[in-house]
C-alpha cells in the first residue's frame, strides 16, 4: 500500500509540474519574452538548467483560460524571466535561492514549502499552480497561504467534476469558502476549455491519458 501511495503522489507531482510548464509555455506563446529557470529534477532533469525562449517584443495580455474565482476576470501576468521551482527534496542543498529570487516571476507547485528553505528555493512566490488533489493540503494552513503571502496568485486546475459551480464541485466549494474568509486571496480557476486543451497537449507530449 505504501508503494502505491508513493507512486500516486509522484504521479500527481509530475502532472502538476507538467501543467505548470504547459501554462508558462502557453503564456509565452501569447507574445511573452521568457527565460525559464527550470528546476524539475523529479522529471529526470539533472541540475538547474536555463531554457531560453525569445520573442522580438513582449506584449503582456489577459489570459482567458484562467479566471478569477470571485470576479471572473481573466488572469493577467507580466513575466520577463520565470523560475519554475520544483518541490522535490533534491532542491535541498542547491543554494540557489538568490538566483531564483532575481526572476520576474517565481512559480511554485502545490504546497511546496518556502519557510526554512529560503537559501535553496528563494523567498518569493509569484504564482503557485495547485492540483485539485493538493487543495486540501493548502487549506490546512490558510493563514500562511492566503494571509501572510496574499500577493501570490494561485492557479487551480482539476477535472470538471471537482470544479463545477453548481454546488456539486467539492474543490470549487472549498475554494469559495476560502475566498469568503480571505477576500484578498488571488485564486484563479482553469476553465473547462483550457483543461481540455492542456489534457490534449499532455497526451500528445507523453502518450498518456491523464
N, C-alpha and C. Protein backbone atom coordinates (compact mmCIF):
# COMPACT_ATOMS: atom_id res chain seq x y z
N UNK A 1 0.84 -1.21 0.00
CA UNK A 1 0.00 0.00 0.00
C UNK A 1 0.87 1.25 0.00
N UNK A 2 1.98 1.21 0.77
CA UNK A 2 2.86 2.37 0.86
C UNK A 2 3.49 2.68 -0.49
N UNK A 3 3.86 1.63 -1.23
CA UNK A 3 4.45 1.82 -2.56
C UNK A 3 3.45 2.46 -3.50
N UNK A 4 2.20 1.99 -3.45
CA UNK A 4 1.14 2.55 -4.30
C UNK A 4 0.89 4.00 -3.95
N UNK A 5 0.87 4.31 -2.64
CA UNK A 5 0.64 5.70 -2.21
C UNK A 5 1.74 6.61 -2.71
N UNK A 6 2.99 6.17 -2.57
CA UNK A 6 4.11 6.99 -3.02
C UNK A 6 4.08 7.17 -4.53
N UNK A 7 3.68 6.11 -5.26
CA UNK A 7 3.62 6.20 -6.71
C UNK A 7 2.55 7.20 -7.14
N UNK A 8 1.40 7.18 -6.47
CA UNK A 8 0.34 8.13 -6.79
C UNK A 8 0.78 9.55 -6.49
N UNK A 9 1.47 9.75 -5.37
CA UNK A 9 1.96 11.08 -5.02
C UNK A 9 2.95 11.57 -6.06
N UNK A 10 3.82 10.67 -6.55
CA UNK A 10 4.82 11.06 -7.54
C UNK A 10 4.15 11.43 -8.86
N UNK A 11 3.12 10.67 -9.23
CA UNK A 11 2.39 10.96 -10.46
C UNK A 11 1.70 12.31 -10.36
N UNK A 12 1.05 12.57 -9.21
CA UNK A 12 0.36 13.85 -9.01
C UNK A 12 1.34 15.01 -9.08
N UNK A 13 2.52 14.84 -8.48
CA UNK A 13 3.54 15.89 -8.52
C UNK A 13 4.01 16.14 -9.93
N UNK A 14 4.23 15.06 -10.69
CA UNK A 14 4.69 15.19 -12.07
C UNK A 14 3.65 15.90 -12.91
N UNK A 15 2.37 15.51 -12.75
CA UNK A 15 1.30 16.14 -13.52
C UNK A 15 1.21 17.63 -13.21
N UNK A 16 1.33 18.00 -11.94
CA UNK A 16 1.27 19.41 -11.57
C UNK A 16 2.43 20.18 -12.18
N UNK A 17 3.62 19.59 -12.14
CA UNK A 17 4.79 20.25 -12.71
C UNK A 17 4.63 20.43 -14.20
N UNK A 18 4.15 19.39 -14.88
CA UNK A 18 3.94 19.49 -16.32
C UNK A 18 2.87 20.51 -16.64
N UNK A 19 1.81 20.55 -15.81
CA UNK A 19 0.76 21.53 -16.04
C UNK A 19 1.31 22.94 -15.89
N UNK A 20 2.16 23.15 -14.87
CA UNK A 20 2.77 24.46 -14.68
C UNK A 20 3.61 24.84 -15.89
N UNK A 21 4.39 23.88 -16.39
CA UNK A 21 5.23 24.16 -17.55
C UNK A 21 4.38 24.45 -18.77
N UNK A 22 3.31 23.68 -18.96
CA UNK A 22 2.40 23.93 -20.08
C UNK A 22 1.77 25.31 -19.97
N UNK A 23 1.41 25.70 -18.74
CA UNK A 23 0.80 27.00 -18.53
C UNK A 23 1.77 28.11 -18.90
N UNK A 24 3.02 27.99 -18.46
CA UNK A 24 4.01 29.02 -18.78
C UNK A 24 4.26 29.06 -20.28
N UNK A 25 4.38 27.88 -20.92
CA UNK A 25 4.59 27.84 -22.36
C UNK A 25 3.41 28.45 -23.11
N UNK A 26 2.20 28.22 -22.57
CA UNK A 26 1.01 28.81 -23.19
C UNK A 26 1.06 30.33 -23.10
N UNK A 27 1.46 30.84 -21.94
CA UNK A 27 1.57 32.29 -21.78
C UNK A 27 2.66 32.84 -22.70
N UNK A 28 3.75 32.12 -22.83
CA UNK A 28 4.83 32.54 -23.71
C UNK A 28 4.36 32.62 -25.15
N UNK A 29 3.51 31.69 -25.54
CA UNK A 29 3.05 31.67 -26.93
C UNK A 29 2.18 32.88 -27.26
N UNK A 30 1.73 33.59 -26.21
CA UNK A 30 0.94 34.79 -26.42
C UNK A 30 1.82 36.03 -26.37
N UNK A 31 3.02 35.91 -26.97
CA UNK A 31 3.95 37.03 -27.18
C UNK A 31 4.70 37.46 -25.94
N UNK A 32 4.93 36.55 -24.99
CA UNK A 32 5.81 36.86 -23.88
C UNK A 32 7.24 36.54 -24.28
N UNK A 33 8.18 37.37 -23.89
CA UNK A 33 9.59 37.03 -23.99
C UNK A 33 9.97 36.44 -22.65
N UNK A 34 10.34 35.18 -22.63
CA UNK A 34 10.52 34.48 -21.37
C UNK A 34 11.86 33.76 -21.33
N UNK A 35 12.50 33.81 -20.18
CA UNK A 35 13.68 32.99 -19.90
C UNK A 35 13.34 32.16 -18.67
N UNK A 36 13.39 30.83 -18.80
CA UNK A 36 12.96 29.96 -17.72
C UNK A 36 14.15 29.37 -16.98
N UNK A 37 14.09 29.44 -15.67
CA UNK A 37 14.99 28.63 -14.85
C UNK A 37 14.17 27.43 -14.41
N UNK A 38 14.37 26.31 -15.06
CA UNK A 38 13.54 25.14 -14.81
C UNK A 38 14.25 24.23 -13.81
N UNK A 39 13.57 23.97 -12.71
CA UNK A 39 14.13 23.12 -11.66
C UNK A 39 13.17 21.97 -11.43
N UNK A 40 13.16 21.03 -12.38
CA UNK A 40 12.19 19.95 -12.34
C UNK A 40 12.94 18.62 -12.28
N UNK A 41 13.68 18.41 -11.22
CA UNK A 41 14.54 17.24 -11.16
C UNK A 41 13.74 15.93 -11.15
N UNK A 42 12.55 15.97 -10.57
CA UNK A 42 11.77 14.74 -10.50
C UNK A 42 11.27 14.31 -11.86
N UNK A 43 11.44 15.17 -12.88
CA UNK A 43 11.09 14.80 -14.24
C UNK A 43 12.31 14.25 -14.98
N UNK A 44 13.42 14.07 -14.28
CA UNK A 44 14.58 13.48 -14.90
C UNK A 44 15.65 14.47 -15.31
N UNK A 45 15.45 15.76 -15.05
CA UNK A 45 16.46 16.75 -15.39
C UNK A 45 17.49 16.81 -14.28
N UNK A 46 18.76 16.84 -14.63
CA UNK A 46 19.81 16.90 -13.62
C UNK A 46 20.31 18.32 -13.49
N UNK A 47 20.17 18.87 -12.31
CA UNK A 47 20.65 20.22 -12.05
C UNK A 47 19.71 21.29 -12.56
N UNK A 48 20.06 22.53 -12.26
CA UNK A 48 19.27 23.67 -12.71
C UNK A 48 19.68 24.01 -14.13
N UNK A 49 18.72 24.21 -15.01
CA UNK A 49 19.02 24.50 -16.41
C UNK A 49 18.25 25.72 -16.88
N UNK A 50 18.87 26.47 -17.75
CA UNK A 50 18.19 27.60 -18.38
C UNK A 50 17.65 27.16 -19.72
N UNK A 51 16.35 27.35 -19.93
CA UNK A 51 15.76 27.12 -21.24
C UNK A 51 15.35 28.48 -21.78
N UNK A 52 15.91 28.89 -22.89
CA UNK A 52 15.72 30.24 -23.39
C UNK A 52 14.64 30.27 -24.48
N UNK A 53 13.73 31.21 -24.33
CA UNK A 53 12.70 31.43 -25.33
C UNK A 53 12.70 32.91 -25.68
N UNK A 54 12.83 33.24 -26.95
CA UNK A 54 12.97 34.63 -27.35
C UNK A 54 11.85 35.06 -28.30
N UNK A 55 11.34 36.24 -28.05
CA UNK A 55 10.45 36.93 -28.98
C UNK A 55 11.02 38.32 -29.19
N UNK A 56 10.67 38.96 -30.29
CA UNK A 56 11.17 40.30 -30.55
C UNK A 56 10.61 41.29 -29.55
N UNK A 57 9.34 41.13 -29.18
CA UNK A 57 8.71 42.04 -28.25
C UNK A 57 7.86 41.25 -27.26
N UNK A 58 7.68 41.83 -26.08
CA UNK A 58 6.84 41.22 -25.07
C UNK A 58 5.55 42.02 -24.98
N UNK A 59 4.42 41.35 -25.06
CA UNK A 59 3.12 42.03 -25.02
C UNK A 59 2.27 41.39 -23.93
N UNK A 60 2.39 41.85 -22.68
CA UNK A 60 1.54 41.30 -21.61
C UNK A 60 0.07 41.43 -21.97
N UNK A 61 -0.68 40.43 -21.64
CA UNK A 61 -2.09 40.44 -22.01
C UNK A 61 -2.89 39.62 -21.02
N UNK A 62 -4.20 39.62 -21.18
CA UNK A 62 -5.07 38.80 -20.36
C UNK A 62 -5.11 37.38 -20.91
N UNK A 63 -5.30 36.41 -20.04
CA UNK A 63 -5.33 35.01 -20.44
C UNK A 63 -6.68 34.42 -20.03
N UNK A 64 -7.55 34.28 -20.99
CA UNK A 64 -8.94 33.95 -20.72
C UNK A 64 -9.15 32.51 -20.28
N UNK A 65 -8.12 31.67 -20.39
CA UNK A 65 -8.26 30.29 -19.94
C UNK A 65 -8.18 30.14 -18.43
N UNK A 66 -7.87 31.25 -17.75
CA UNK A 66 -7.71 31.23 -16.30
C UNK A 66 -8.46 32.43 -15.73
N UNK A 67 -9.50 32.18 -14.93
CA UNK A 67 -10.37 33.26 -14.47
C UNK A 67 -10.40 33.33 -12.94
N UNK A 68 -10.51 34.55 -12.45
CA UNK A 68 -10.59 34.77 -11.01
C UNK A 68 -11.87 34.15 -10.47
N UNK A 69 -11.74 33.40 -9.39
CA UNK A 69 -12.89 32.69 -8.84
C UNK A 69 -14.01 33.64 -8.45
N UNK A 70 -13.65 34.79 -7.92
CA UNK A 70 -14.66 35.72 -7.41
C UNK A 70 -15.11 36.72 -8.47
N UNK A 71 -14.17 37.37 -9.15
CA UNK A 71 -14.52 38.45 -10.07
C UNK A 71 -14.77 37.97 -11.49
N UNK A 72 -14.32 36.75 -11.82
CA UNK A 72 -14.43 36.17 -13.16
C UNK A 72 -13.55 36.88 -14.19
N UNK A 73 -12.65 37.72 -13.71
CA UNK A 73 -11.74 38.40 -14.63
C UNK A 73 -10.62 37.44 -15.04
N UNK A 74 -10.10 37.59 -16.27
CA UNK A 74 -9.02 36.71 -16.73
C UNK A 74 -7.71 37.02 -16.03
N UNK A 75 -6.83 36.04 -16.01
CA UNK A 75 -5.51 36.19 -15.41
C UNK A 75 -4.66 37.15 -16.24
N UNK A 76 -3.96 38.05 -15.56
CA UNK A 76 -3.07 38.99 -16.23
C UNK A 76 -1.68 38.86 -15.61
N UNK A 77 -0.70 38.56 -16.45
CA UNK A 77 0.67 38.41 -15.97
C UNK A 77 1.62 39.21 -16.85
N UNK A 78 2.68 39.68 -16.24
CA UNK A 78 3.74 40.36 -16.97
C UNK A 78 5.06 39.77 -16.51
N UNK A 79 5.46 38.67 -17.13
CA UNK A 79 6.66 37.94 -16.72
C UNK A 79 7.73 38.05 -17.80
N UNK A 80 8.90 38.51 -17.40
CA UNK A 80 10.03 38.62 -18.31
C UNK A 80 10.96 37.42 -18.16
N UNK A 81 11.23 37.05 -16.93
CA UNK A 81 12.09 35.90 -16.64
C UNK A 81 11.41 35.06 -15.58
N UNK A 82 11.17 33.79 -15.89
CA UNK A 82 10.42 32.93 -14.98
C UNK A 82 11.32 31.85 -14.39
N UNK A 83 11.14 31.59 -13.09
CA UNK A 83 11.79 30.47 -12.43
C UNK A 83 10.70 29.50 -11.99
N UNK A 84 10.71 28.29 -12.55
CA UNK A 84 9.77 27.25 -12.14
C UNK A 84 10.50 26.36 -11.16
N UNK A 85 10.07 26.37 -9.91
CA UNK A 85 10.81 25.71 -8.85
C UNK A 85 10.16 24.39 -8.46
N UNK A 86 10.93 23.35 -8.53
CA UNK A 86 10.45 22.03 -8.14
C UNK A 86 10.25 21.96 -6.64
N UNK A 87 9.31 21.12 -6.20
CA UNK A 87 9.18 20.87 -4.76
C UNK A 87 9.77 19.51 -4.41
N UNK A 88 10.68 19.06 -5.24
CA UNK A 88 11.40 17.82 -4.97
C UNK A 88 12.37 18.01 -3.82
N UNK A 89 12.60 16.97 -3.04
CA UNK A 89 13.57 17.04 -1.95
C UNK A 89 14.98 17.27 -2.44
N UNK A 90 15.20 17.05 -3.74
CA UNK A 90 16.53 17.25 -4.31
C UNK A 90 16.91 18.72 -4.37
N UNK A 91 15.94 19.61 -4.12
CA UNK A 91 16.26 21.04 -4.06
C UNK A 91 17.11 21.37 -2.84
N UNK A 92 17.02 20.53 -1.81
CA UNK A 92 17.77 20.78 -0.59
C UNK A 92 19.27 20.79 -0.87
N UNK A 93 19.92 21.86 -0.43
CA UNK A 93 21.36 21.97 -0.60
C UNK A 93 21.79 22.63 -1.89
N UNK A 94 20.85 23.06 -2.73
CA UNK A 94 21.20 23.68 -4.01
C UNK A 94 21.79 25.08 -3.84
N UNK A 95 21.34 25.81 -2.80
CA UNK A 95 21.85 27.15 -2.50
C UNK A 95 21.72 28.11 -3.69
N UNK A 96 20.56 28.07 -4.35
CA UNK A 96 20.35 28.97 -5.49
C UNK A 96 19.14 29.88 -5.25
N UNK A 97 18.80 30.08 -3.98
CA UNK A 97 17.65 30.92 -3.66
C UNK A 97 17.79 32.33 -4.21
N UNK A 98 18.99 32.90 -4.15
CA UNK A 98 19.20 34.25 -4.67
C UNK A 98 18.99 34.32 -6.17
N UNK A 99 19.40 33.28 -6.88
CA UNK A 99 19.20 33.23 -8.34
C UNK A 99 17.71 33.19 -8.66
N UNK A 100 16.98 32.36 -7.93
CA UNK A 100 15.53 32.24 -8.14
C UNK A 100 14.84 33.57 -7.88
N UNK A 101 15.21 34.25 -6.79
CA UNK A 101 14.55 35.50 -6.43
C UNK A 101 14.81 36.62 -7.42
N UNK A 102 15.81 36.49 -8.26
CA UNK A 102 16.10 37.51 -9.27
C UNK A 102 15.15 37.44 -10.46
N UNK A 103 14.38 36.37 -10.57
CA UNK A 103 13.44 36.22 -11.67
C UNK A 103 12.25 37.16 -11.49
N UNK A 104 11.67 37.57 -12.62
CA UNK A 104 10.50 38.43 -12.55
C UNK A 104 9.33 37.71 -11.90
N UNK A 105 9.12 36.46 -12.31
CA UNK A 105 8.04 35.65 -11.75
C UNK A 105 8.60 34.32 -11.25
N UNK A 106 8.25 33.98 -10.02
CA UNK A 106 8.69 32.71 -9.42
C UNK A 106 7.47 31.81 -9.30
N UNK A 107 7.53 30.66 -9.97
CA UNK A 107 6.43 29.70 -9.99
C UNK A 107 6.74 28.54 -9.05
N UNK A 108 5.76 28.17 -8.25
CA UNK A 108 5.90 27.01 -7.38
C UNK A 108 4.70 26.08 -7.55
N UNK A 109 4.86 24.84 -7.10
CA UNK A 109 3.83 23.83 -7.28
C UNK A 109 3.20 23.41 -5.96
N UNK A 110 1.89 23.25 -5.98
CA UNK A 110 1.15 22.71 -4.85
C UNK A 110 1.52 23.42 -3.55
N UNK A 111 1.76 22.66 -2.49
CA UNK A 111 2.05 23.27 -1.18
C UNK A 111 3.54 23.22 -0.86
N UNK A 112 4.38 23.31 -1.88
CA UNK A 112 5.83 23.26 -1.67
C UNK A 112 6.25 24.31 -0.65
N UNK A 113 6.99 23.91 0.39
CA UNK A 113 7.37 24.85 1.45
C UNK A 113 8.43 25.84 0.99
N UNK A 114 8.42 27.01 1.63
CA UNK A 114 9.44 28.04 1.39
C UNK A 114 10.17 28.35 2.70
N UNK A 115 9.39 28.58 3.78
CA UNK A 115 9.98 28.90 5.07
C UNK A 115 10.95 27.81 5.51
N UNK A 116 12.15 28.22 5.86
CA UNK A 116 13.16 27.27 6.29
C UNK A 116 14.03 26.75 5.18
N UNK A 117 13.64 27.05 3.92
CA UNK A 117 14.39 26.56 2.77
C UNK A 117 14.78 27.71 1.84
N UNK A 118 14.76 28.93 2.34
CA UNK A 118 14.97 30.10 1.50
C UNK A 118 16.32 30.07 0.77
N UNK A 119 17.36 29.57 1.41
CA UNK A 119 18.68 29.54 0.78
C UNK A 119 18.67 28.67 -0.48
N UNK A 120 17.81 27.67 -0.49
CA UNK A 120 17.76 26.74 -1.62
C UNK A 120 16.69 27.10 -2.64
N UNK A 121 15.54 27.62 -2.19
CA UNK A 121 14.42 27.82 -3.11
C UNK A 121 13.97 29.27 -3.23
N UNK A 122 14.62 30.19 -2.51
CA UNK A 122 14.24 31.59 -2.60
C UNK A 122 13.13 31.98 -1.64
N UNK A 123 12.81 33.28 -1.63
CA UNK A 123 11.81 33.82 -0.73
C UNK A 123 10.47 34.08 -1.43
N UNK A 124 10.51 34.47 -2.69
CA UNK A 124 9.34 34.99 -3.38
C UNK A 124 8.51 33.88 -4.03
N UNK A 125 7.19 34.11 -4.07
CA UNK A 125 6.29 33.24 -4.82
C UNK A 125 5.32 34.13 -5.57
N UNK A 126 5.44 34.17 -6.87
CA UNK A 126 4.54 34.98 -7.69
C UNK A 126 3.28 34.21 -8.06
N UNK A 127 3.48 32.98 -8.53
CA UNK A 127 2.37 32.13 -8.96
C UNK A 127 2.57 30.74 -8.37
N UNK A 128 1.51 30.19 -7.82
CA UNK A 128 1.55 28.83 -7.30
C UNK A 128 0.49 28.02 -8.04
N UNK A 129 0.91 27.02 -8.80
CA UNK A 129 0.00 26.16 -9.55
C UNK A 129 -0.37 24.99 -8.65
N UNK A 130 -1.66 24.80 -8.42
CA UNK A 130 -2.13 23.82 -7.44
C UNK A 130 -3.08 22.82 -8.08
N UNK A 131 -2.75 21.56 -7.94
CA UNK A 131 -3.64 20.49 -8.40
C UNK A 131 -4.87 20.40 -7.50
N UNK A 132 -5.98 19.97 -8.06
CA UNK A 132 -7.20 19.82 -7.26
C UNK A 132 -6.97 18.86 -6.09
N UNK A 133 -6.06 17.89 -6.25
CA UNK A 133 -5.79 16.94 -5.17
C UNK A 133 -4.96 17.57 -4.05
N UNK A 134 -4.31 18.69 -4.33
CA UNK A 134 -3.46 19.34 -3.32
C UNK A 134 -4.15 20.50 -2.63
N UNK A 135 -5.33 20.88 -3.09
CA UNK A 135 -6.06 21.98 -2.46
C UNK A 135 -6.28 21.73 -0.97
N UNK A 136 -6.68 20.52 -0.55
CA UNK A 136 -6.88 20.29 0.90
C UNK A 136 -5.62 20.54 1.71
N UNK A 137 -4.44 20.25 1.15
CA UNK A 137 -3.19 20.49 1.88
C UNK A 137 -2.94 21.99 2.02
N UNK A 138 -3.27 22.75 0.99
CA UNK A 138 -3.14 24.21 1.06
C UNK A 138 -4.07 24.76 2.15
N UNK A 139 -5.27 24.23 2.20
CA UNK A 139 -6.28 24.75 3.13
C UNK A 139 -6.03 24.33 4.58
N UNK A 140 -5.08 23.44 4.79
CA UNK A 140 -4.71 23.10 6.17
C UNK A 140 -3.95 24.24 6.84
N UNK A 141 -3.38 25.12 6.03
CA UNK A 141 -2.61 26.25 6.57
C UNK A 141 -3.02 27.53 5.83
N UNK A 142 -4.29 27.90 5.91
CA UNK A 142 -4.79 29.02 5.10
C UNK A 142 -4.18 30.37 5.46
N UNK A 143 -3.84 30.58 6.74
CA UNK A 143 -3.25 31.86 7.13
C UNK A 143 -1.93 32.10 6.41
N UNK A 144 -1.14 31.05 6.27
CA UNK A 144 0.13 31.20 5.58
C UNK A 144 -0.08 31.45 4.09
N UNK A 145 -0.90 30.63 3.46
CA UNK A 145 -1.04 30.71 2.02
C UNK A 145 -1.88 31.89 1.55
N UNK A 146 -2.87 32.30 2.34
CA UNK A 146 -3.78 33.34 1.86
C UNK A 146 -3.74 34.63 2.68
N UNK A 147 -2.95 34.65 3.75
CA UNK A 147 -2.86 35.87 4.55
C UNK A 147 -1.45 36.43 4.53
N UNK A 148 -0.49 35.63 4.96
CA UNK A 148 0.89 36.09 5.01
C UNK A 148 1.46 36.32 3.60
N UNK A 149 1.05 35.50 2.66
CA UNK A 149 1.59 35.60 1.30
C UNK A 149 0.47 35.93 0.31
N UNK A 150 -0.37 36.90 0.68
CA UNK A 150 -1.55 37.15 -0.14
C UNK A 150 -1.25 37.85 -1.47
N UNK A 151 0.02 38.12 -1.76
CA UNK A 151 0.36 38.66 -3.08
C UNK A 151 0.55 37.55 -4.11
N UNK A 152 0.54 36.33 -3.64
CA UNK A 152 0.70 35.19 -4.55
C UNK A 152 -0.57 34.94 -5.34
N UNK A 153 -0.40 34.64 -6.62
CA UNK A 153 -1.52 34.24 -7.47
C UNK A 153 -1.60 32.71 -7.46
N UNK A 154 -2.79 32.19 -7.19
CA UNK A 154 -3.00 30.74 -7.17
C UNK A 154 -3.78 30.33 -8.41
N UNK A 155 -3.22 29.42 -9.18
CA UNK A 155 -3.89 28.88 -10.35
C UNK A 155 -4.25 27.43 -10.04
N UNK A 156 -5.54 27.17 -9.94
CA UNK A 156 -6.04 25.84 -9.57
C UNK A 156 -6.50 25.09 -10.81
N UNK A 157 -6.11 23.83 -10.93
CA UNK A 157 -6.57 23.04 -12.07
C UNK A 157 -7.15 21.72 -11.57
N UNK A 158 -8.10 21.21 -12.32
CA UNK A 158 -8.72 19.94 -11.96
C UNK A 158 -9.86 19.62 -12.89
N UNK A 159 -10.35 18.40 -12.83
CA UNK A 159 -11.45 17.97 -13.69
C UNK A 159 -12.76 18.68 -13.35
N UNK A 160 -13.63 18.73 -14.31
CA UNK A 160 -14.90 19.45 -14.16
C UNK A 160 -15.69 18.94 -12.97
N UNK A 161 -15.66 17.64 -12.72
CA UNK A 161 -16.48 17.08 -11.64
C UNK A 161 -16.14 17.69 -10.28
N UNK A 162 -14.89 18.13 -10.11
CA UNK A 162 -14.47 18.74 -8.85
C UNK A 162 -14.56 20.26 -8.86
N UNK A 163 -14.66 20.85 -10.06
CA UNK A 163 -14.61 22.30 -10.18
C UNK A 163 -15.96 22.91 -10.58
N UNK A 164 -16.97 22.09 -10.76
CA UNK A 164 -18.27 22.61 -11.18
C UNK A 164 -18.84 23.57 -10.13
N UNK A 165 -19.59 24.55 -10.60
CA UNK A 165 -20.02 25.66 -9.75
C UNK A 165 -21.47 25.54 -9.26
N UNK A 166 -22.08 24.38 -9.47
CA UNK A 166 -23.49 24.22 -9.10
C UNK A 166 -23.68 23.66 -7.70
N UNK A 167 -22.62 23.68 -6.90
CA UNK A 167 -22.71 23.14 -5.55
C UNK A 167 -22.24 21.71 -5.43
N UNK A 168 -21.99 21.06 -6.57
CA UNK A 168 -21.56 19.67 -6.56
C UNK A 168 -20.06 19.51 -6.78
N UNK A 169 -19.38 20.63 -7.03
CA UNK A 169 -17.93 20.58 -7.21
C UNK A 169 -17.25 20.76 -5.87
N UNK A 170 -16.71 19.69 -5.31
CA UNK A 170 -16.18 19.74 -3.95
C UNK A 170 -15.01 20.71 -3.82
N UNK A 171 -14.11 20.73 -4.79
CA UNK A 171 -12.95 21.63 -4.71
C UNK A 171 -13.39 23.07 -4.88
N UNK A 172 -14.28 23.31 -5.82
CA UNK A 172 -14.77 24.68 -6.03
C UNK A 172 -15.44 25.20 -4.77
N UNK A 173 -16.23 24.38 -4.12
CA UNK A 173 -16.93 24.80 -2.90
C UNK A 173 -15.94 25.14 -1.79
N UNK A 174 -14.87 24.34 -1.68
CA UNK A 174 -13.84 24.61 -0.68
C UNK A 174 -13.16 25.95 -0.95
N UNK A 175 -12.87 26.22 -2.22
CA UNK A 175 -12.20 27.47 -2.58
C UNK A 175 -13.12 28.67 -2.40
N UNK A 176 -14.40 28.47 -2.65
CA UNK A 176 -15.38 29.53 -2.48
C UNK A 176 -15.43 29.97 -1.01
N UNK A 177 -15.41 29.00 -0.11
CA UNK A 177 -15.40 29.31 1.32
C UNK A 177 -14.11 30.03 1.72
N UNK A 178 -13.01 29.63 1.09
CA UNK A 178 -11.72 30.26 1.39
C UNK A 178 -11.73 31.73 1.01
N UNK A 179 -12.28 32.05 -0.15
CA UNK A 179 -12.35 33.43 -0.60
C UNK A 179 -13.24 34.25 0.33
N UNK A 180 -14.27 33.63 0.86
CA UNK A 180 -15.15 34.33 1.80
C UNK A 180 -14.39 34.71 3.07
N UNK A 181 -13.47 33.83 3.50
CA UNK A 181 -12.68 34.08 4.70
C UNK A 181 -11.46 34.94 4.44
N UNK A 182 -10.96 34.89 3.21
CA UNK A 182 -9.77 35.66 2.82
C UNK A 182 -10.07 36.40 1.51
N UNK A 183 -10.81 37.48 1.60
CA UNK A 183 -11.28 38.18 0.39
C UNK A 183 -10.15 38.73 -0.48
N UNK A 184 -8.95 38.87 0.04
CA UNK A 184 -7.83 39.37 -0.75
C UNK A 184 -7.11 38.25 -1.50
N UNK A 185 -7.51 37.01 -1.27
CA UNK A 185 -6.85 35.88 -1.92
C UNK A 185 -7.04 35.95 -3.44
N UNK A 186 -5.95 35.75 -4.16
CA UNK A 186 -5.98 35.81 -5.63
C UNK A 186 -6.02 34.39 -6.18
N UNK A 187 -7.22 33.86 -6.29
CA UNK A 187 -7.41 32.48 -6.72
C UNK A 187 -8.02 32.46 -8.12
N UNK A 188 -7.35 31.78 -9.03
CA UNK A 188 -7.81 31.66 -10.41
C UNK A 188 -8.07 30.20 -10.74
N UNK A 189 -9.15 29.96 -11.46
CA UNK A 189 -9.52 28.61 -11.87
C UNK A 189 -9.21 28.42 -13.35
N UNK A 190 -8.79 27.23 -13.69
CA UNK A 190 -8.58 26.87 -15.09
C UNK A 190 -9.93 26.53 -15.70
N UNK A 191 -10.28 27.16 -16.80
CA UNK A 191 -11.58 26.92 -17.41
C UNK A 191 -11.64 25.49 -17.96
N UNK A 192 -12.85 25.00 -18.14
CA UNK A 192 -13.04 23.65 -18.66
C UNK A 192 -12.41 23.52 -20.05
N UNK A 193 -12.57 24.55 -20.86
CA UNK A 193 -11.98 24.53 -22.20
C UNK A 193 -10.46 24.46 -22.15
N UNK A 194 -9.86 25.24 -21.24
CA UNK A 194 -8.41 25.24 -21.12
C UNK A 194 -7.91 23.91 -20.57
N UNK A 195 -8.67 23.28 -19.66
CA UNK A 195 -8.30 21.98 -19.14
C UNK A 195 -8.28 20.95 -20.26
N UNK A 196 -9.26 21.00 -21.15
CA UNK A 196 -9.29 20.07 -22.27
C UNK A 196 -8.07 20.27 -23.16
N UNK A 197 -7.72 21.55 -23.38
CA UNK A 197 -6.54 21.85 -24.20
C UNK A 197 -5.28 21.28 -23.56
N UNK A 198 -5.12 21.49 -22.25
CA UNK A 198 -3.93 21.00 -21.55
C UNK A 198 -3.89 19.47 -21.54
N UNK A 199 -5.06 18.85 -21.39
CA UNK A 199 -5.12 17.39 -21.44
C UNK A 199 -4.66 16.87 -22.80
N UNK A 200 -5.09 17.54 -23.86
CA UNK A 200 -4.70 17.12 -25.20
C UNK A 200 -3.20 17.27 -25.41
N UNK A 201 -2.65 18.40 -24.96
CA UNK A 201 -1.20 18.61 -25.09
C UNK A 201 -0.43 17.58 -24.28
N UNK A 202 -0.91 17.31 -23.06
CA UNK A 202 -0.26 16.33 -22.20
C UNK A 202 -0.24 14.95 -22.88
N UNK A 203 -1.34 14.58 -23.49
CA UNK A 203 -1.42 13.27 -24.15
C UNK A 203 -0.50 13.20 -25.35
N UNK A 204 -0.43 14.30 -26.11
CA UNK A 204 0.45 14.34 -27.28
C UNK A 204 1.90 14.24 -26.87
N UNK A 205 2.26 14.96 -25.81
CA UNK A 205 3.66 15.03 -25.39
C UNK A 205 4.12 13.78 -24.64
N UNK A 206 3.22 13.14 -23.91
CA UNK A 206 3.64 11.99 -23.07
C UNK A 206 3.11 10.65 -23.57
N UNK A 207 2.09 10.69 -24.44
CA UNK A 207 1.49 9.45 -24.89
C UNK A 207 0.55 8.82 -23.87
N UNK A 208 0.27 9.57 -22.80
CA UNK A 208 -0.59 9.07 -21.74
C UNK A 208 -1.85 9.90 -21.61
N UNK A 209 -2.92 9.25 -21.20
CA UNK A 209 -4.18 9.94 -20.98
C UNK A 209 -4.27 10.26 -19.50
N UNK A 210 -4.20 11.56 -19.17
CA UNK A 210 -4.20 11.94 -17.77
C UNK A 210 -5.45 11.51 -17.06
